């Protein structure tokens, strides 16, 4: 995701192959949504979308038997806490769904903070020289970082993200990387604005008076941005809040998102929308951009609902997509067998593996923008002692099985199952 965002902002991504197919299309219904296809080069690169679905699968697990302060903090950040059962009890379908939403929300918040930290580092290799022009000449003193504004959908999500940020800062300090997250700012959509130091850079003459900037209207019309001044990342904006009890509409989200994106464009700051989940439709007019594929671009709804929300037109297709559970194959392996045979060895170690799910990914950093399909193998290491078996360790392996062309859109469940049947 970092390479897709940074490279696209500096026009180092591969062009969408659908540009050629659209040029040869006979009917308007044969056209595919493409990004960054208009002259001049770099037009509209300031509005990027990424799709992360299944973020809980991206957090690596780590188990330890030590009990010092450092390990307690690291255990707080491990996916073992995210993936455990609900207090060891059988949960109802509603409880299980709520648990999955909570795990996914926490993992996505953590992932967005880590991504923001990586984007805040300057310079990006091969694309920047590490200098910031603040209107008073080039300054090397603050050239190592850039501000990143992380906007969350609700105040509750922003507060939870602040807690995650504090935990990550503690871990970074323990690892000798203090200051790694200092330029990440947690904000709330609709409640906070873009920080003044990002939206209003200093541009004064020698007498301290504000200079008038010429040509800004042309830069705005061409969608030009300056990544060195910072980035705005909006994490999973939605007009229906599933994390509330009971789930309820989130009033005004679309208008608030529109206002934030407009202010970012005026300030020439890149805006990245991460995993949007919008359902609000203002009208039914416009060209249907979902009909060519059987699975929606964001969220993977089958069949896709159309037309594509107008506010997402600039963010389709996303520059990076990672779907961790496109098709679920198995929830869990067979239970470890307890042996009571007196002739069995006192201790025995063995592995149980099973195919759990299918993951798919796409990036503008690959020529042709193909969708790659991976089948996921989970391996549980079992330790059997005196006939009683327990899970000692877990490992996840991704096996590449196929790729699909972007002209067909995001692979649907039907397509993936067909691929698996041929692969098996």
Foldseek 3Di string as FASTA:
>chain_A
DLCLLVCLQQLNFAFAPLVVVQVVDPDPLLHAFGAQPDPDRNFLSLEFEEEEAPLLVVFAADDDPDDDPLVVLVNVRGSCVLPDDDVPDDDDPVVVVLSPVVSRLLSLLLVVLVSQLVLFADDDPPRDPQWDCLQPDTDNPPSGTAAEEEEEADPVSLVSSVVSLVSVQVNCVVVVNHPSRVRYHRHYQPPDADDCCLQPGQNADPVRDHDDDPPLVVCLVRQAADCSNYAYEYEAQEQWDVNDVNIGGNPPSVVSVVVRVVSCSSSRHRYYYYQYYYDDAPDQDDDANQVLEQFDQHPGDGRDDDRDHPVCSSHPPHQKYKHDAQDFDDDDFPDDFFDQDPPDDQKDKDKDKDFTGKMWMFHSNDHQGKIWIWTKMKMFIWMAGNRDIDGDDIDIDTHTQDIDGCSSPDDHPVNVVVSVVVSD
